C-alpha atoms as a PDB file:
ATOM      1  CA  MET A   1      -8.599  19.283  31.958  1.00  0.00           C
ATOM      2  CA  GLU A   2      -7.018  16.679  30.061  1.00  0.00           C
ATOM      3  CA  LYS A   3      -7.383  16.638  25.802  1.00  0.00           C
ATOM      4  CA  LYS A   4      -9.620  14.345  24.268  1.00  0.00           C
ATOM      5  CA  LYS A   5      -7.869  11.267  23.202  1.00  0.00           C
ATOM      6  CA  ILE A   6      -8.719  10.614  19.609  1.00  0.00           C
ATOM      7  CA  VAL A   7      -8.240   7.774  17.356  1.00  0.00           C
ATOM      8  CA  SER A   8      -6.367  10.156  14.865  1.00  0.00           C
ATOM      9  CA  ASP A   9      -3.634  10.980  17.414  1.00  0.00           C
ATOM     10  CA  TRP A  10      -2.728   7.081  17.686  1.00  0.00           C
ATOM     11  CA  MET A  11      -3.779   5.361  14.368  1.00  0.00           C
ATOM     12  CA  LYS A  12      -1.442   4.426  11.670  1.00  0.00           C
ATOM     13  CA  LYS A  13      -1.240   6.816   8.634  1.00  0.00           C
ATOM     14  CA  LYS A  14       0.836   4.962   6.360  1.00  0.00           C
ATOM     15  CA  VAL A  15      -2.198   2.550   5.021  1.00  0.00           C
ATOM     16  CA  ILE A  16      -1.874  -0.333   2.947  1.00  0.00           C
ATOM     17  CA  SER A  17      -5.195  -0.542   0.610  1.00  0.00           C
ATOM     18  CA  ILE A  18      -6.652  -2.321  -2.398  1.00  0.00           C
ATOM     19  CA  HIS A  19      -9.421  -1.804  -5.099  1.00  0.00           C
ATOM     20  CA  GLN A  20     -12.178  -4.035  -5.562  1.00  0.00           C
ATOM     21  CA  GLU A  21     -11.206  -5.223  -9.302  1.00  0.00           C
ATOM     22  CA  ALA A  22      -7.557  -6.626  -7.804  1.00  0.00           C
ATOM     23  CA  THR A  23      -7.373 -10.509  -7.409  1.00  0.00           C
ATOM     24  CA  VAL A  24      -7.579 -12.035  -4.194  1.00  0.00           C
ATOM     25  CA  LYS A  25      -3.692 -13.383  -5.308  1.00  0.00           C
ATOM     26  CA  GLU A  26      -2.947  -9.526  -5.315  1.00  0.00           C
ATOM     27  CA  ALA A  27      -4.469  -9.251  -1.875  1.00  0.00           C
ATOM     28  CA  ALA A  28      -2.643 -11.874  -0.272  1.00  0.00           C
ATOM     29  CA  ALA A  29       0.249 -10.993  -1.725  1.00  0.00           C
ATOM     30  CA  LEU A  30       0.008  -7.514  -0.352  1.00  0.00           C
ATOM     31  CA  MET A  31      -1.190  -8.946   2.827  1.00  0.00           C
ATOM     32  CA  LEU A  32       2.409 -10.922   3.189  1.00  0.00           C
ATOM     33  CA  GLU A  33       4.448  -8.228   2.308  1.00  0.00           C
ATOM     34  CA  ASN A  34       3.050  -5.829   4.454  1.00  0.00           C
ATOM     35  CA  ARG A  35       2.773  -8.196   6.920  1.00  0.00           C
ATOM     36  CA  ILE A  36      -0.866  -7.053   7.766  1.00  0.00           C
ATOM     37  CA  GLY A  37      -4.021  -9.008   8.414  1.00  0.00           C
ATOM     38  CA  THR A  38      -6.769  -6.183   6.995  1.00  0.00           C
ATOM     39  CA  LEU A  39      -6.882  -4.617   3.941  1.00  0.00           C
ATOM     40  CA  PRO A  40      -9.439  -1.917   3.174  1.00  0.00           C
ATOM     41  CA  VAL A  41     -11.156  -1.494  -0.014  1.00  0.00           C
ATOM     42  CA  VAL A  42     -11.228   1.548  -1.492  1.00  0.00           C
ATOM     43  CA  ASP A  43     -12.930   3.418  -4.902  1.00  0.00           C
ATOM     44  CA  GLU A  44     -10.861   5.595  -7.073  1.00  0.00           C
ATOM     45  CA  LYS A  45     -11.624   8.739  -4.921  1.00  0.00           C
ATOM     46  CA  GLY A  46      -9.961   6.561  -1.880  1.00  0.00           C
ATOM     47  CA  GLU A  47     -13.514   6.257  -0.174  1.00  0.00           C
ATOM     48  CA  LEU A  48     -13.901   3.113   2.022  1.00  0.00           C
ATOM     49  CA  ILE A  49     -16.062   0.593   0.534  1.00  0.00           C
ATOM     50  CA  GLY A  50     -15.062  -2.763   2.374  1.00  0.00           C
ATOM     51  CA  LEU A  51     -12.595  -4.715   3.902  1.00  0.00           C
ATOM     52  CA  ALA A  52     -10.512  -7.996   3.276  1.00  0.00           C
ATOM     53  CA  THR A  53      -8.765  -9.955   5.751  1.00  0.00           C
ATOM     54  CA  MET A  54      -6.325 -12.639   6.302  1.00  0.00           C
ATOM     55  CA  GLN A  55      -9.595 -14.833   7.276  1.00  0.00           C
ATOM     56  CA  ASP A  56     -11.501 -13.790   4.060  1.00  0.00           C
ATOM     57  CA  VAL A  57      -8.308 -15.172   1.704  1.00  0.00           C
ATOM     58  CA  LEU A  58      -7.641 -18.216   3.774  1.00  0.00           C
ATOM     59  CA  GLN A  59     -10.912 -19.414   3.830  1.00  0.00           C
ATOM     60  CA  ILE A  60     -11.083 -19.480   0.250  1.00  0.00           C
ATOM     61  CA  PHE A  61      -7.747 -21.898  -0.126  1.00  0.00           C
ATOM     62  CA  LEU A  62      -8.531 -24.237   3.331  1.00  0.00           C
ATOM     63  CA  PRO A  63     -11.023 -27.058   3.786  1.00  0.00           C
ATOM     64  CA  ASP A  64     -13.841 -26.191   6.710  1.00  0.00           C
ATOM     65  CA  PHE A  65     -12.698 -28.893   8.709  1.00  0.00           C
ATOM     66  CA  VAL A  66     -15.353 -27.747  11.159  1.00  0.00           C
ATOM     67  CA  GLU A  67     -17.699 -29.551   9.421  1.00  0.00           C
ATOM     68  CA  LEU A  68     -15.650 -32.905   8.846  1.00  0.00           C
ATOM     69  CA  LEU A  69     -15.150 -32.884  12.537  1.00  0.00           C
ATOM     70  CA  SER A  70     -18.624 -31.459  14.018  1.00  0.00           C
ATOM     71  CA  ASN A  71     -18.625 -34.298  16.735  1.00  0.00           C
ATOM     72  CA  VAL A  72     -15.514 -32.758  18.755  1.00  0.00           C
ATOM     73  CA  ASP A  73     -17.060 -30.944  21.309  1.00  0.00           C
ATOM     74  CA  PHE A  74     -14.246 -28.333  21.565  1.00  0.00           C
ATOM     75  CA  ILE A  75     -14.569 -27.587  17.748  1.00  0.00           C
ATOM     76  CA  LYS A  76     -18.131 -26.070  18.062  1.00  0.00           C
ATOM     77  CA  ASP A  77     -16.623 -23.004  20.452  1.00  0.00           C
ATOM     78  CA  PHE A  78     -13.528 -22.778  18.089  1.00  0.00           C
ATOM     79  CA  GLY A  79     -16.139 -21.434  15.167  1.00  0.00           C
ATOM     80  CA  ALA A  80     -16.176 -22.188  11.601  1.00  0.00           C
ATOM     81  CA  LEU A  81     -14.973 -20.905   8.210  1.00  0.00           C
ATOM     82  CA  LYS A  82     -17.543 -18.553   6.677  1.00  0.00           C
ATOM     83  CA  THR A  83     -17.690 -20.475   3.252  1.00  0.00           C
ATOM     84  CA  PRO A  84     -16.107 -23.680   2.313  1.00  0.00           C
ATOM     85  CA  SER A  85     -13.316 -23.853   0.259  1.00  0.00           C
ATOM     86  CA  THR A  86     -13.891 -23.443  -3.604  1.00  0.00           C
ATOM     87  CA  GLY A  87     -11.557 -26.824  -3.877  1.00  0.00           C
ATOM     88  CA  SER A  88      -9.957 -25.380  -7.289  1.00  0.00           C
ATOM     89  CA  LEU A  89      -7.108 -23.193  -6.950  1.00  0.00           C
ATOM     90  CA  ALA A  90      -7.273 -22.527 -10.463  1.00  0.00           C
ATOM     91  CA  GLU A  91     -10.964 -21.629  -9.790  1.00  0.00           C
ATOM     92  CA  ALA A  92      -9.916 -19.291  -6.938  1.00  0.00           C
ATOM     93  CA  GLY A  93      -7.342 -17.348  -8.999  1.00  0.00           C
ATOM     94  CA  SER A  94     -10.220 -15.896 -10.703  1.00  0.00           C
ATOM     95  CA  LEU A  95     -11.935 -14.105  -7.431  1.00  0.00           C
ATOM     96  CA  THR A  96     -11.627 -10.686  -7.030  1.00  0.00           C
ATOM     97  CA  VAL A  97     -11.261  -8.542  -3.655  1.00  0.00           C
ATOM     98  CA  ALA A  98     -15.392  -7.564  -4.370  1.00  0.00           C
ATOM     99  CA  ASP A  99     -16.189 -11.135  -4.221  1.00  0.00           C
ATOM    100  CA  ILE A 100     -14.534 -11.559  -0.587  1.00  0.00           C
ATOM    101  CA  MET A 101     -14.593  -8.437   0.844  1.00  0.00           C
ATOM    102  CA  GLU A 102     -16.666  -7.401   3.663  1.00  0.00           C
ATOM    103  CA  GLU A 103     -19.053  -4.488   4.657  1.00  0.00           C
ATOM    104  CA  PRO A 104     -16.682  -1.826   6.346  1.00  0.00           C
ATOM    105  CA  VAL A 105     -16.293  -1.052   9.711  1.00  0.00           C
ATOM    106  CA  ALA A 106     -14.767   2.274  10.747  1.00  0.00           C
ATOM    107  CA  VAL A 107     -14.619   5.701  12.917  1.00  0.00           C
ATOM    108  CA  GLU A 108     -14.299   9.163  12.200  1.00  0.00           C
ATOM    109  CA  ALA A 109     -10.925  10.407  12.727  1.00  0.00           C
ATOM    110  CA  ASN A 110     -12.313  12.832  15.157  1.00  0.00           C
ATOM    111  CA  SER A 111     -13.529   9.655  17.487  1.00  0.00           C
ATOM    112  CA  GLY A 112     -12.725   9.326  20.939  1.00  0.00           C
ATOM    113  CA  LEU A 113     -10.432   6.228  21.838  1.00  0.00           C
ATOM    114  CA  MET A 114     -13.505   4.936  23.708  1.00  0.00           C
ATOM    115  CA  ARG A 115     -15.624   4.438  21.056  1.00  0.00           C
ATOM    116  CA  ALA A 116     -12.777   3.010  18.880  1.00  0.00           C
ATOM    117  CA  LEU A 117     -12.343   0.440  20.752  1.00  0.00           C
ATOM    118  CA  SER A 118     -16.242  -0.199  21.537  1.00  0.00           C
ATOM    119  CA  VAL A 119     -16.660  -0.629  17.720  1.00  0.00           C
ATOM    120  CA  MET A 120     -14.069  -2.847  17.471  1.00  0.00           C
ATOM    121  CA  HIS A 121     -15.322  -4.993  20.205  1.00  0.00           C
ATOM    122  CA  LYS A 122     -18.611  -5.081  18.963  1.00  0.00           C
ATOM    123  CA  HIS A 123     -17.679  -6.156  15.541  1.00  0.00           C
ATOM    124  CA  ASN A 124     -14.867  -8.458  16.828  1.00  0.00           C
ATOM    125  CA  ILE A 125     -12.219  -6.892  14.805  1.00  0.00           C
ATOM    126  CA  GLN A 126      -8.552  -6.528  15.478  1.00  0.00           C
ATOM    127  CA  ASP A 127      -8.002  -3.544  12.766  1.00  0.00           C
ATOM    128  CA  LEU A 128     -10.286  -0.865  12.632  1.00  0.00           C
ATOM    129  CA  ALA A 129     -10.784   1.793   9.526  1.00  0.00           C
ATOM    130  CA  VAL A 130     -10.345   5.149  10.237  1.00  0.00           C
ATOM    131  CA  THR A 131     -12.275   7.755   7.708  1.00  0.00           C
ATOM    132  CA  ARG A 132     -12.723  11.798   7.206  1.00  0.00           C
ATOM    133  CA  GLU A 133     -15.986  12.048   5.615  1.00  0.00           C
ATOM    134  CA  GLY A 134     -15.746   8.383   3.733  1.00  0.00           C
ATOM    135  CA  ILE A 135     -11.959   8.679   2.616  1.00  0.00           C
ATOM    136  CA  LEU A 136     -10.060   6.472   3.849  1.00  0.00           C
ATOM    137  CA  VAL A 137      -7.182   8.275   6.143  1.00  0.00           C
ATOM    138  CA  GLY A 138      -5.676   5.477   8.613  1.00  0.00           C
ATOM    139  CA  ILE A 139      -6.194   2.361  10.293  1.00  0.00           C
ATOM    140  CA  ALA A 140      -5.933   1.618  14.092  1.00  0.00           C
ATOM    141  CA  SER A 141      -5.270  -1.776  15.644  1.00  0.00           C
ATOM    142  CA  ARG A 142      -6.111  -2.835  19.091  1.00  0.00           C
ATOM    143  CA  VAL A 143      -2.284  -2.202  20.291  1.00  0.00           C
ATOM    144  CA  ASP A 144      -2.512   1.098  19.004  1.00  0.00           C
ATOM    145  CA  ILE A 145      -5.802   1.994  20.951  1.00  0.00           C
ATOM    146  CA  GLY A 146      -4.317   0.572  23.983  1.00  0.00           C
ATOM    147  CA  ARG A 147      -1.082   2.552  23.459  1.00  0.00           C
ATOM    148  CA  GLY A 148      -3.702   5.297  23.437  1.00  0.00           C
ATOM    149  CA  PHE A 149      -5.101   4.416  26.904  1.00  0.00           C
ATOM    150  CA  LEU A 150      -1.829   3.526  28.485  1.00  0.00           C
ATOM    151  CA  SER A 151      -0.110   6.792  27.320  1.00  0.00           C
ATOM    152  CA  ASN A 152      -1.038   8.843  30.585  1.00  0.00           C
ATOM    153  CA  TRP A 153      -0.509   5.891  33.305  1.00  0.00           C
END
């Protein structure tokens, strides 16, 4: 009988994370430097308290064109940014990660790959935080999960 495939066997164990007091500019720099689109937010103990994504950062600097183009049919399906641009880069510079982070979506390290994939699908996310008793221990992308499924094919 084949061993259950769990997310911790396929996740990335070197996780770039950030604290909620950091600036959005610092978060953007980390994302660029490490070529990542999801940045877990942790507290002093390493507990996962939120997620900041490239979309969260970009929406600060990009206007909500969907509002401007609401009469174009395909735009409605493309989707709008959640909040429009602040309009001022100086104002945006004072924002912290706590101001833009979302509620964390995570699975426990011993969760099966199917559970991990279903959580990603349900929340429409590309990267999934992995925790052990609330402490961030990894991150798994859809590609990581796919490699796990295809490993015995």
